[in-house]
Protein backbone atom coordinates (compact mmCIF):
# COMPACT_ATOMS: atom_id res chain seq x y z
CA UNK A 1 -29.31 51.38 -36.00
CA UNK A 2 -27.67 47.91 -35.35
CA UNK A 3 -24.38 49.78 -34.80
CA UNK A 4 -26.19 52.34 -32.08
CA UNK A 5 -28.01 49.35 -30.28
CA UNK A 6 -24.41 47.21 -30.02
CA UNK A 7 -23.08 51.16 -28.64
CA UNK A 8 -25.92 50.96 -26.11
CA UNK A 9 -25.43 47.88 -25.16
CA UNK A 10 -21.47 48.26 -24.61
CA UNK A 11 -22.30 51.01 -22.26
CA UNK A 12 -24.98 49.23 -20.19
CA UNK A 13 -22.83 46.67 -19.95
CA UNK A 14 -19.83 48.85 -18.40
CA UNK A 15 -22.10 50.34 -15.76
CA UNK A 16 -21.85 49.52 -12.33
CA UNK A 17 -25.07 47.73 -12.00
CA UNK A 18 -24.03 45.59 -15.26
CA UNK A 19 -20.92 44.63 -13.34
CA UNK A 20 -22.43 43.77 -10.41
CA UNK A 21 -25.04 41.56 -12.13
CA UNK A 22 -22.28 39.83 -14.37
CA UNK A 23 -20.39 39.17 -10.97
CA UNK A 24 -23.60 37.95 -8.87
CA UNK A 25 -23.90 35.46 -11.93
CA UNK A 26 -20.51 34.15 -11.56
CA UNK A 27 -20.77 33.58 -7.86
CA UNK A 28 -23.99 31.89 -8.56
CA UNK A 29 -22.41 29.95 -11.10
CA UNK A 30 -19.60 29.02 -9.09
CA UNK A 31 -21.82 28.04 -5.87
CA UNK A 32 -23.95 25.87 -8.36
CA UNK A 33 -20.21 24.12 -9.40
CA UNK A 34 -18.99 23.72 -5.90
CA UNK A 35 -22.31 22.22 -4.42
CA UNK A 36 -22.31 19.83 -7.43
CA UNK A 37 -18.85 18.76 -7.01
CA UNK A 38 -19.65 18.25 -3.37
CA UNK A 39 -23.05 16.16 -3.95
CA UNK A 40 -20.71 14.10 -6.52
CA UNK A 41 -18.13 13.32 -3.72
CA UNK A 42 -20.48 12.51 -1.24
CA UNK A 43 -22.12 10.06 -4.09
CA UNK A 44 -18.67 8.65 -5.13
CA UNK A 45 -17.80 7.82 -1.15
CA UNK A 46 -21.38 6.03 -0.50
CA UNK A 47 -20.47 4.29 -3.65
CA UNK A 48 -17.45 3.13 -3.00
CA UNK A 49 -19.22 1.88 0.57
CA UNK A 50 -21.85 -0.14 -1.19
CA UNK A 51 -18.91 -2.08 -2.88
CA UNK A 52 -17.88 -3.46 0.58
CA UNK A 53 -20.96 -6.24 0.20
CA UNK A 54 -22.00 -7.98 -2.63
CA UNK A 55 -25.65 -7.83 -2.20
CA UNK A 56 -25.22 -3.72 -2.32
CA UNK A 57 -22.63 -3.63 -5.27
CA UNK A 58 -25.26 -2.77 -7.73
CA UNK A 59 -26.71 -0.04 -5.58
CA UNK A 60 -23.45 1.33 -5.10
CA UNK A 61 -22.40 1.42 -8.75
CA UNK A 62 -25.35 3.20 -9.37
CA UNK A 63 -24.60 6.14 -6.57
CA UNK A 64 -21.31 6.39 -8.28
CA UNK A 65 -22.54 6.81 -11.79
CA UNK A 66 -25.06 9.35 -10.45
CA UNK A 67 -22.22 11.06 -9.12
CA UNK A 68 -20.08 11.00 -11.98
CA UNK A 69 -23.12 12.34 -13.83
CA UNK A 70 -23.41 15.31 -11.04
CA UNK A 71 -19.87 15.98 -11.44
CA UNK A 72 -19.90 16.20 -15.39
CA UNK A 73 -23.05 18.70 -15.23
CA UNK A 74 -21.15 20.63 -12.95
CA UNK A 75 -18.11 20.75 -14.73
CA UNK A 76 -20.31 22.05 -17.96
CA UNK A 77 -21.56 25.07 -16.23
CA UNK A 78 -17.84 26.39 -15.53
CA UNK A 79 -17.50 29.90 -16.69
CA UNK A 80 -13.98 29.10 -18.38
CA UNK A 81 -15.54 26.82 -21.17
CA UNK A 82 -14.67 28.55 -24.66
CA UNK A 83 -16.80 26.20 -26.85
CA UNK A 84 -18.98 23.10 -26.34
CA UNK A 85 -18.30 21.68 -29.52
CA UNK A 86 -15.52 19.33 -28.63
CA UNK A 87 -16.81 18.51 -25.24
CA UNK A 88 -20.28 17.26 -27.31
CA UNK A 89 -17.96 15.41 -29.64
CA UNK A 90 -16.14 13.89 -26.72
CA UNK A 91 -19.45 12.69 -24.77
CA UNK A 92 -20.95 11.41 -27.65
CA UNK A 93 -17.82 9.32 -28.29
CA UNK A 94 -17.28 8.24 -25.14
CA UNK A 95 -20.93 7.30 -24.35
CA UNK A 96 -20.97 5.15 -27.30
CA UNK A 97 -17.79 3.11 -26.03
CA UNK A 98 -18.80 2.65 -22.64
CA UNK A 99 -22.50 1.58 -23.94
CA UNK A 100 -20.38 -1.19 -26.47
CA UNK A 101 -18.53 -2.48 -23.62
CA UNK A 102 -21.49 -2.83 -21.37
CA UNK A 103 -23.45 -4.44 -23.97
CA UNK A 104 -21.00 -6.72 -25.93
CA UNK A 105 -17.97 -6.95 -23.35
CA UNK A 106 -17.89 -10.69 -22.05
CA UNK A 107 -17.34 -11.09 -18.55
CA UNK A 108 -14.21 -12.64 -19.17
CA UNK A 109 -12.70 -9.71 -20.23
CA UNK A 110 -13.36 -7.69 -17.41
CA UNK A 111 -9.32 -7.68 -16.20
CA UNK A 112 -8.45 -6.35 -19.47
CA UNK A 113 -11.08 -3.69 -19.58
CA UNK A 114 -9.93 -2.60 -16.12
CA UNK A 115 -6.54 -2.34 -17.11
CA UNK A 116 -7.30 -0.26 -20.71
CA UNK A 117 -9.44 1.84 -18.27
CA UNK A 118 -6.58 2.68 -16.10
CA UNK A 119 -4.67 3.49 -19.24
CA UNK A 120 -6.84 5.88 -20.51
CA UNK A 121 -7.60 7.62 -17.06
CA UNK A 122 -4.06 7.86 -16.67
CA UNK A 123 -3.59 9.23 -20.62
CA UNK A 124 -6.72 12.00 -19.69
CA UNK A 125 -4.54 13.05 -16.50
CA UNK A 126 -1.44 13.36 -18.56
CA UNK A 127 -2.41 15.16 -21.21
CA UNK A 128 -4.29 17.81 -18.98
CA UNK A 129 -0.92 17.95 -17.30
CA UNK A 130 1.09 18.45 -20.23
CA UNK A 131 -1.65 21.00 -21.71
CA UNK A 132 -1.61 23.06 -18.54
CA UNK A 133 2.22 23.29 -18.55
CA UNK A 134 2.32 24.09 -22.03
CA UNK A 135 -0.35 26.85 -21.82
CA UNK A 136 1.34 28.66 -18.69
CA UNK A 137 4.95 28.22 -19.77
CA UNK A 138 5.07 28.57 -23.92
CA UNK A 139 1.98 30.49 -24.59
CA UNK A 140 1.48 32.77 -21.31
CA UNK A 141 5.21 33.04 -20.89
CA UNK A 142 4.76 32.79 -17.28
CA UNK A 143 6.68 31.15 -14.45
CA UNK A 144 5.17 28.03 -12.98
CA UNK A 145 4.88 28.37 -8.93
CA UNK A 146 6.62 25.87 -7.07
CA UNK A 147 3.35 24.32 -5.89
CA UNK A 148 1.56 23.97 -9.25
CA UNK A 149 4.81 22.40 -10.45
CA UNK A 150 4.69 19.79 -7.86
CA UNK A 151 1.18 18.99 -8.82
CA UNK A 152 1.92 18.99 -12.67
CA UNK A 153 5.02 16.93 -12.32
CA UNK A 154 3.57 14.50 -9.85
CA UNK A 155 0.57 14.31 -12.11
CA UNK A 156 2.38 13.69 -15.34
CA UNK A 157 5.20 11.27 -13.98
CA UNK A 158 2.89 8.93 -12.52
CA UNK A 159 0.64 9.30 -15.14
CA UNK A 160 2.76 8.40 -17.86
CA UNK A 161 4.16 5.47 -16.05
CA UNK A 162 0.47 4.34 -15.55
CA UNK A 163 -0.31 4.70 -18.99
CA UNK A 164 2.32 2.15 -20.42
CA UNK A 165 2.01 -0.46 -17.15
CA UNK A 166 -1.45 -0.77 -17.90
CA UNK A 167 -1.21 -1.14 -21.49
CA UNK A 168 1.50 -3.88 -20.85
CA UNK A 169 -0.98 -5.59 -18.15
CA UNK A 170 -3.86 -5.39 -20.84
CA UNK A 171 -1.15 -7.34 -23.50
CA UNK A 172 -0.63 -10.00 -20.67
CA UNK A 173 -4.26 -10.60 -19.90
CA UNK A 174 -5.45 -10.63 -23.56
CA UNK A 175 -2.27 -12.69 -23.95
CA UNK A 176 -0.88 -10.51 -26.77
CA UNK A 177 2.15 -10.59 -24.76
CA UNK A 178 3.90 -13.77 -22.70
CA UNK A 179 2.01 -14.18 -19.36
CA UNK A 180 5.44 -15.11 -18.13
CA UNK A 181 7.76 -12.70 -16.96
CA UNK A 182 10.15 -11.07 -19.92
CA UNK A 183 13.59 -10.51 -17.86
CA UNK A 184 16.80 -9.34 -19.08
CA UNK A 185 20.11 -8.90 -17.60
CA UNK A 186 20.37 -5.75 -14.73
CA UNK A 187 16.69 -5.38 -15.30
CA UNK A 188 16.06 -4.11 -11.70
CA UNK A 189 18.88 -2.37 -11.60
CA UNK A 190 17.95 -0.31 -14.66
CA UNK A 191 14.27 -0.01 -13.51
CA UNK A 192 15.60 1.71 -10.43
CA UNK A 193 17.85 4.12 -12.23
CA UNK A 194 15.19 5.39 -14.55
CA UNK A 195 12.97 5.72 -11.85
CA UNK A 196 15.52 7.41 -9.65
CA UNK A 197 16.46 9.67 -12.86
CA UNK A 198 12.49 10.93 -13.41
CA UNK A 199 12.38 11.76 -9.75
CA UNK A 200 15.59 14.08 -10.04
CA UNK A 201 14.00 15.49 -12.94
CA UNK A 202 10.73 16.27 -10.90
CA UNK A 203 12.98 17.67 -8.08
CA UNK A 204 14.86 20.12 -10.84
CA UNK A 205 11.44 21.14 -12.32
CA UNK A 206 10.04 22.25 -8.66
CA UNK A 207 13.11 23.77 -7.84
CA UNK A 208 14.09 25.29 -10.61
CA UNK A 209 12.23 28.54 -12.05
CA UNK A 210 10.43 28.16 -15.08
CA UNK A 211 11.11 28.73 -18.78
CA UNK A 212 10.53 27.31 -22.05
CA UNK A 213 14.09 26.09 -22.95
CA UNK A 214 16.25 23.76 -20.68
CA UNK A 215 12.82 23.29 -18.29
CA UNK A 216 10.49 22.33 -20.81
CA UNK A 217 13.12 19.91 -22.27
CA UNK A 218 13.39 18.50 -18.70
CA UNK A 219 9.58 18.44 -18.41
CA UNK A 220 9.02 16.53 -21.67
CA UNK A 221 12.28 14.17 -21.15
CA UNK A 222 10.49 13.37 -17.74
CA UNK A 223 7.38 12.63 -19.32
CA UNK A 224 9.36 9.46 -21.76
CA UNK A 225 11.28 8.57 -19.07
CA UNK A 226 7.57 7.64 -16.91
CA UNK A 227 6.60 6.02 -20.11
CA UNK A 228 9.86 3.83 -20.66
CA UNK A 229 9.54 2.78 -16.51
CA UNK A 230 5.54 1.81 -16.83
CA UNK A 231 6.90 -0.85 -19.72
CA UNK A 232 9.86 -1.99 -17.83
CA UNK A 233 8.45 -2.29 -14.33
CA UNK A 234 5.55 -4.68 -15.63
CA UNK A 235 6.83 -6.62 -18.51
CA UNK A 236 9.09 -8.82 -15.70
CA UNK A 237 6.16 -9.24 -13.60
CA UNK A 238 4.17 -12.77 -14.43
CA UNK A 239 0.65 -13.45 -14.93
CA UNK A 240 0.21 -14.82 -11.30
CA UNK A 241 0.48 -10.87 -10.00
CA UNK A 242 -1.33 -9.47 -12.38
CA UNK A 243 -4.54 -8.90 -9.62
CA UNK A 244 -1.82 -6.98 -7.46
CA UNK A 245 -0.73 -4.95 -10.60
CA UNK A 246 -3.95 -4.13 -12.05
CA UNK A 247 -4.83 -2.57 -8.46
CA UNK A 248 -1.57 -1.03 -8.06
CA UNK A 249 -2.16 0.81 -11.49
CA UNK A 250 -5.65 1.98 -10.17
CA UNK A 251 -3.76 3.52 -7.61
CA UNK A 252 -1.35 5.23 -9.66
CA UNK A 253 -4.34 6.45 -11.81
CA UNK A 254 -6.07 7.74 -8.96
CA UNK A 255 -2.98 9.97 -7.65
CA UNK A 256 -2.44 11.29 -11.23
CA UNK A 257 -6.23 12.17 -10.85
CA UNK A 258 -6.09 13.88 -7.60
CA UNK A 259 -2.61 15.95 -8.68
CA UNK A 260 -4.69 16.97 -11.74
CA UNK A 261 -7.12 18.27 -9.01
CA UNK A 262 -4.29 20.52 -7.36
CA UNK A 263 -2.72 21.90 -10.48
CA UNK A 264 -6.37 23.07 -11.98
CA UNK A 265 -8.16 24.14 -8.40
CA UNK A 266 -10.70 21.53 -8.94
CA UNK A 267 -12.07 20.09 -5.80
CA UNK A 268 -13.97 16.96 -7.32
CA UNK A 269 -10.74 15.71 -9.08
CA UNK A 270 -8.98 16.04 -5.94
CA UNK A 271 -11.60 14.06 -3.86
CA UNK A 272 -12.38 11.45 -6.66
CA UNK A 273 -8.52 10.79 -7.04
CA UNK A 274 -7.80 10.66 -3.68
CA UNK A 275 -10.61 7.85 -2.97
CA UNK A 276 -9.35 5.95 -5.94
CA UNK A 277 -5.62 6.23 -5.25
CA UNK A 278 -6.27 5.43 -1.70
CA UNK A 279 -8.72 2.38 -2.04
CA UNK A 280 -6.38 0.75 -4.89
CA UNK A 281 -3.09 1.06 -2.23
CA UNK A 282 -5.08 -0.34 0.11
CA UNK A 283 -6.57 -3.60 -2.16
CA UNK A 284 -2.84 -3.79 -3.35
CA UNK A 285 -1.94 -4.31 0.25
CA UNK A 286 -4.86 -6.97 0.90
CA UNK A 287 -4.07 -8.45 -2.23
CA UNK A 288 -0.38 -9.19 -1.29
CA UNK A 289 -0.96 -10.03 1.97
CA UNK A 290 -3.68 -13.08 0.23
CA UNK A 291 -0.72 -14.08 -1.80
CA UNK A 292 2.11 -13.90 1.01
CA UNK A 293 4.09 -11.19 -0.89
CA UNK A 294 5.66 -7.80 -0.37
CA UNK A 295 5.32 -5.09 -3.13
CA UNK A 296 9.00 -5.46 -3.56
CA UNK A 297 8.37 -8.88 -4.29
CA UNK A 298 5.78 -8.43 -6.92
CA UNK A 299 7.82 -5.43 -8.49
CA UNK A 300 10.95 -6.91 -8.49
CA UNK A 301 10.82 -10.54 -7.84
CA UNK A 302 9.81 -11.94 -11.60
CA UNK A 303 7.25 -14.06 -10.27
CA UNK A 304 5.66 -16.28 -12.47
CA UNK A 305 8.80 -17.93 -13.94
CA UNK A 306 8.56 -21.42 -14.59
CA UNK A 307 10.56 -23.20 -11.60
CA UNK A 308 11.09 -26.78 -10.51
CA UNK A 309 11.23 -27.37 -7.03
CA UNK A 310 13.15 -30.49 -5.84
CA UNK A 311 11.04 -33.47 -6.33
CA UNK A 312 8.87 -32.05 -8.60
CA UNK A 313 5.69 -30.36 -7.30
CA UNK A 314 6.08 -30.72 -3.72
CA UNK A 315 7.72 -34.58 -4.18
CA UNK A 316 5.62 -35.60 -7.02
CA UNK A 317 8.63 -37.23 -8.91
CA UNK A 318 6.97 -40.29 -10.16
CA UNK A 319 3.87 -39.84 -9.32
CA UNK A 320 0.74 -40.12 -12.09
CA UNK A 321 -2.57 -38.32 -11.93
CA UNK A 322 -5.58 -40.20 -12.15
CA UNK A 323 -8.46 -39.10 -14.67
CA UNK A 324 -12.03 -39.90 -14.22
CA UNK A 325 -14.88 -40.53 -16.35
CA UNK A 326 -18.13 -37.99 -16.80
CA UNK A 327 -20.32 -40.83 -15.40
CA UNK A 328 -18.21 -41.52 -12.38
CA UNK A 329 -17.76 -37.83 -11.31
CA UNK A 330 -21.52 -37.22 -11.79
CA UNK A 331 -22.20 -40.28 -9.70
CA UNK A 332 -20.01 -38.49 -7.00
CA UNK A 333 -21.54 -35.32 -7.10
CA UNK A 334 -24.98 -36.81 -7.16
CA UNK A 335 -25.01 -38.53 -3.94
CA UNK A 336 -22.68 -36.24 -1.93
CA UNK A 337 -24.04 -34.42 0.93
CA UNK A 338 -21.66 -31.57 0.82
CA UNK A 339 -19.72 -30.14 -2.42
CA UNK A 340 -17.52 -26.83 -2.34
CA UNK A 341 -16.79 -25.55 -5.42
CA UNK A 342 -13.62 -23.61 -6.17
CA UNK A 343 -14.04 -21.54 -9.33
CA UNK A 344 -10.93 -20.35 -11.10
CA UNK A 345 -9.94 -18.45 -14.48
CA UNK A 346 -10.73 -21.83 -16.27
CA UNK A 347 -14.15 -21.40 -15.51
CA UNK A 348 -13.96 -17.58 -16.58
CA UNK A 349 -12.39 -18.73 -20.06
CA UNK A 350 -14.81 -21.53 -20.73
CA UNK A 351 -18.02 -18.92 -19.84
CA UNK A 352 -18.97 -21.79 -17.69
CA UNK A 353 -20.78 -19.85 -14.61
CA UNK A 354 -24.26 -20.42 -15.89
CA UNK A 355 -23.76 -24.15 -16.00
CA UNK A 356 -21.87 -24.34 -12.72
CA UNK A 357 -25.05 -22.60 -11.22
CA UNK A 358 -27.18 -25.46 -12.80
CA UNK A 359 -25.06 -28.05 -11.48
CA UNK A 360 -25.33 -26.59 -8.14
CA UNK A 361 -29.10 -26.49 -8.28
CA UNK A 362 -29.16 -30.23 -9.45
CA UNK A 363 -27.34 -31.00 -6.42
CA UNK A 364 -29.16 -29.18 -4.25
CA UNK A 365 -32.57 -30.72 -5.58
CA UNK A 366 -30.88 -33.97 -5.00
CA UNK A 367 -30.54 -33.20 -0.77
CA UNK A 368 -27.09 -31.95 -1.26
CA UNK A 369 -25.50 -28.80 0.04
CA UNK A 370 -23.18 -26.57 -2.34
CA UNK A 371 -20.67 -23.97 -1.10
CA UNK A 372 -18.60 -21.49 -3.43
CA UNK A 373 -14.97 -20.94 -2.02
CA UNK A 374 -13.51 -17.92 -3.51
CA UNK A 375 -9.92 -16.96 -3.33
CA UNK A 376 -8.81 -13.45 -2.91
CA UNK A 377 -6.90 -13.60 -6.19
CA UNK A 378 -8.61 -16.40 -7.93
CA UNK A 379 -8.96 -14.73 -11.59
CA UNK A 380 -7.06 -12.03 -12.93
CA UNK A 381 -8.47 -9.38 -11.00
CA UNK A 382 -9.89 -8.91 -7.35
CA UNK A 383 -13.69 -10.15 -7.44
CA UNK A 384 -13.61 -12.05 -10.71
CA UNK A 385 -15.23 -15.00 -9.58
CA UNK A 386 -17.85 -12.89 -7.45
CA UNK A 387 -18.67 -10.98 -10.64
CA UNK A 388 -19.24 -14.04 -12.78
CA UNK A 389 -21.25 -16.11 -10.17
CA UNK A 390 -23.35 -13.10 -9.27
CA UNK A 391 -24.15 -13.07 -13.10
CA UNK A 392 -25.44 -16.62 -12.93
CA UNK A 393 -27.23 -15.59 -10.30
CA UNK A 394 -25.57 -17.39 -7.57
CA UNK A 395 -27.13 -16.28 -4.08
CA UNK A 396 -24.57 -14.24 -2.34
CA UNK A 397 -24.79 -16.19 1.05
CA UNK A 398 -23.13 -19.24 -0.95
CA UNK A 399 -20.00 -17.38 -1.73
CA UNK A 400 -17.42 -17.98 0.86
CA UNK A 401 -14.25 -16.21 1.18
CA UNK A 402 -11.10 -18.11 2.19
CA UNK A 403 -11.08 -17.68 5.74
CA UNK A 404 -14.67 -18.50 6.06
CA UNK A 405 -15.02 -21.66 3.71
CA UNK A 406 -11.15 -23.19 4.91
CA UNK A 407 -12.14 -25.07 7.91
CA UNK A 408 -15.15 -26.82 6.20
CA UNK A 409 -13.29 -28.57 3.39
CA UNK A 410 -12.60 -31.53 5.57
CA UNK A 411 -16.30 -32.17 5.73
CA UNK A 412 -17.09 -31.73 1.95
CA UNK A 413 -17.59 -35.10 0.23
CA UNK A 414 -16.49 -33.62 -2.62
CA UNK A 415 -14.12 -30.58 -3.59
CA UNK A 416 -14.76 -29.65 -7.28
CA UNK A 417 -11.95 -27.59 -8.69
CA UNK A 418 -13.27 -25.74 -12.14
CA UNK A 419 -10.01 -24.10 -13.65
CA UNK A 420 -8.13 -23.14 -10.81
CA UNK A 421 -4.63 -24.07 -10.05
CA UNK A 422 -2.29 -21.89 -7.82
CA UNK A 423 -4.86 -20.98 -5.31
CA UNK A 424 -5.46 -24.73 -4.37
CA UNK A 425 -1.74 -25.90 -4.82
CA UNK A 426 -0.88 -27.49 -1.42
CA UNK A 427 3.10 -26.91 -2.31
CA UNK A 428 2.08 -23.27 -0.77
CA UNK A 429 1.96 -25.56 2.25
CA UNK A 430 4.43 -28.24 2.35
CA UNK A 431 7.27 -27.25 -0.50
CA UNK A 432 9.61 -24.54 1.03
CA UNK A 433 11.49 -24.57 -2.34
CA UNK A 434 8.28 -23.48 -4.01
CA UNK A 435 8.02 -19.86 -5.33
CA UNK A 436 4.15 -19.82 -4.04
CA UNK A 437 5.38 -21.08 -0.36
CA UNK A 438 3.51 -19.43 2.38
CA UNK A 439 0.83 -18.20 0.05
CA UNK A 440 -2.60 -18.87 1.59
CA UNK A 441 -4.61 -21.19 -0.21
CA UNK A 442 -7.97 -22.64 -0.37
CA UNK A 443 -7.97 -26.12 1.32
CA UNK A 444 -9.20 -28.22 -1.39
CA UNK A 445 -6.84 -30.94 -0.80
CA UNK A 446 -8.31 -31.68 2.77
CA UNK A 447 -11.82 -32.82 1.22
CA UNK A 448 -12.91 -36.43 1.03
CA UNK A 449 -12.24 -36.54 -2.52
CA UNK A 450 -11.28 -34.04 -5.00
CA UNK A 451 -12.48 -33.82 -8.91
CA UNK A 452 -10.72 -31.10 -11.18
CA UNK A 453 -12.01 -29.67 -14.16
CA UNK A 454 -9.01 -28.84 -16.23
CA UNK A 455 -8.04 -28.56 -20.16
CA UNK A 456 -4.37 -29.93 -19.91
CA UNK A 457 -1.63 -30.47 -17.55
CA UNK A 458 -0.28 -26.99 -18.56
CA UNK A 459 0.87 -25.00 -15.41
CA UNK A 460 -1.22 -21.91 -14.10
CA UNK A 461 0.03 -18.53 -13.99
CA UNK A 462 2.44 -19.19 -11.29
CA UNK A 463 4.27 -21.48 -14.12
CA UNK A 464 4.65 -24.37 -11.54
CA UNK A 465 3.05 -27.92 -11.30
CA UNK A 466 0.42 -28.57 -9.09
CA UNK A 467 1.12 -30.90 -6.13
CA UNK A 468 -2.88 -31.16 -5.68
CA UNK A 469 -2.95 -33.28 -8.94
CA UNK A 470 -0.93 -36.07 -7.95
CA UNK A 471 -3.27 -36.74 -4.73
CA UNK A 472 -4.52 -39.97 -4.24
CA UNK A 473 -7.88 -38.78 -3.69
CA UNK A 474 -7.79 -36.17 -6.61
CA UNK A 475 -9.09 -37.16 -10.41
CA UNK A 476 -9.19 -35.07 -13.20
CA UNK A 477 -11.54 -34.68 -15.79
CA UNK A 478 -10.06 -33.10 -18.67
CA UNK A 479 -11.60 -30.83 -21.31
CA UNK A 480 -13.54 -27.54 -21.60
CA UNK A 481 -15.14 -26.83 -18.29
CA UNK A 482 -18.13 -25.35 -19.85
CA UNK A 483 -18.64 -28.73 -22.07
CA UNK A 484 -17.71 -30.81 -19.08
CA UNK A 485 -20.21 -29.29 -17.08
CA UNK A 486 -22.89 -29.57 -19.67
CA UNK A 487 -21.96 -33.24 -19.65
CA UNK A 488 -21.91 -33.59 -15.96
CA UNK A 489 -25.48 -31.73 -15.49
CA UNK A 490 -26.89 -34.23 -18.25
CA UNK A 491 -25.62 -37.15 -16.88
CA UNK A 492 -27.07 -36.25 -13.07
CA UNK A 493 -30.38 -35.76 -14.82
CA UNK A 494 -30.58 -39.64 -15.57
CA UNK A 495 -29.61 -40.80 -12.15
């Protein structure tokens, strides 16, 4: 009887009515998938739009997360899925990692987390490209069309260099690698030669018909060269340029994902990758502009090498820094009418954002006004300071960008610099021999008095002395930023 039933089912499935029903189901499924992808794309765009304003950023992130959920649901109903076991395992592992990161990762590690995320995203795109190429050429033994090969080649080449480039950026940010540039003779020539070799191999793969022999060898050699290029173009870049590097790698990862979409015929990958690639590239341009740098200078300038300009840091030879006690610094802040706080990476490392917020609240209770000056490249990634201060519930309207706050420094009774270095260095304006000359900075030196919270006289990521520390109006309060701020808060409460 079971055999008869199977036979009857087979006959039924072979009827035109059954075929029409199957075709109809497939059509409805495809309609659902494309509708989900369209909805996800709209949510991604709205989410990105929400990130343009601090007070809308959380809502924007929720929209983007919802878009990703819709995209995943749309993908899970694809008729080409053979088994859900490995997909389910991947979802569980990925969700666990994402939850762990969001719960236990300190906000100070956001730049490193961003860099490693780019590496994993690029790794996914590269593995998909390699798998797709292998399936067509070696398993199906078919020729790869030129348009598909162009998408696959672009995907794996940029994906490969993004993997290792992001890992190198992670290593520098995590201080597993030296933050200063790692240089060697003929470094730029070597990098350019390798990149040209990768491009030539890419051209060969697109032009010459595919086969598993020479074609496959060139394909995998291009992947290896891409991995090498990623290492070699990032290690000569100093820590001061890491915000631009992270932004540029974000663009590369997006372009690789978009190319994956073209190779697989997946619309949501094309749109999401294009959004990521375009936004990352635009952000890189804005960051470079904020640093008065060009892409060529960022990628080939080995910026961050310790440099002594003539006469020291803007003519500070023989000058001495002036330290200040907690009691004197607290008195200045307590009786100031206007205070401008300049947060930097030192605040992030010390996780002192909550103490900063408490100090600002105390000053304002005593009748003073506190504003926060945010430099575009303060910290280790775009928006680093905004994220930390928002976590401490500092009102958004008190966070002022460089162009908004710079004219207000001359009116400030005190500029309180917390762990910032290169972004307040007057050598950028006054010392033509300085590596950062021409870089827009916060005009902290124009305040009536300056208090700098700093661990030591160690240079910032640019590797140069800060002329601000030698200004007669400037006094340094040495120590861990969190500890110093806690002491300042306690002292002001006694006044």
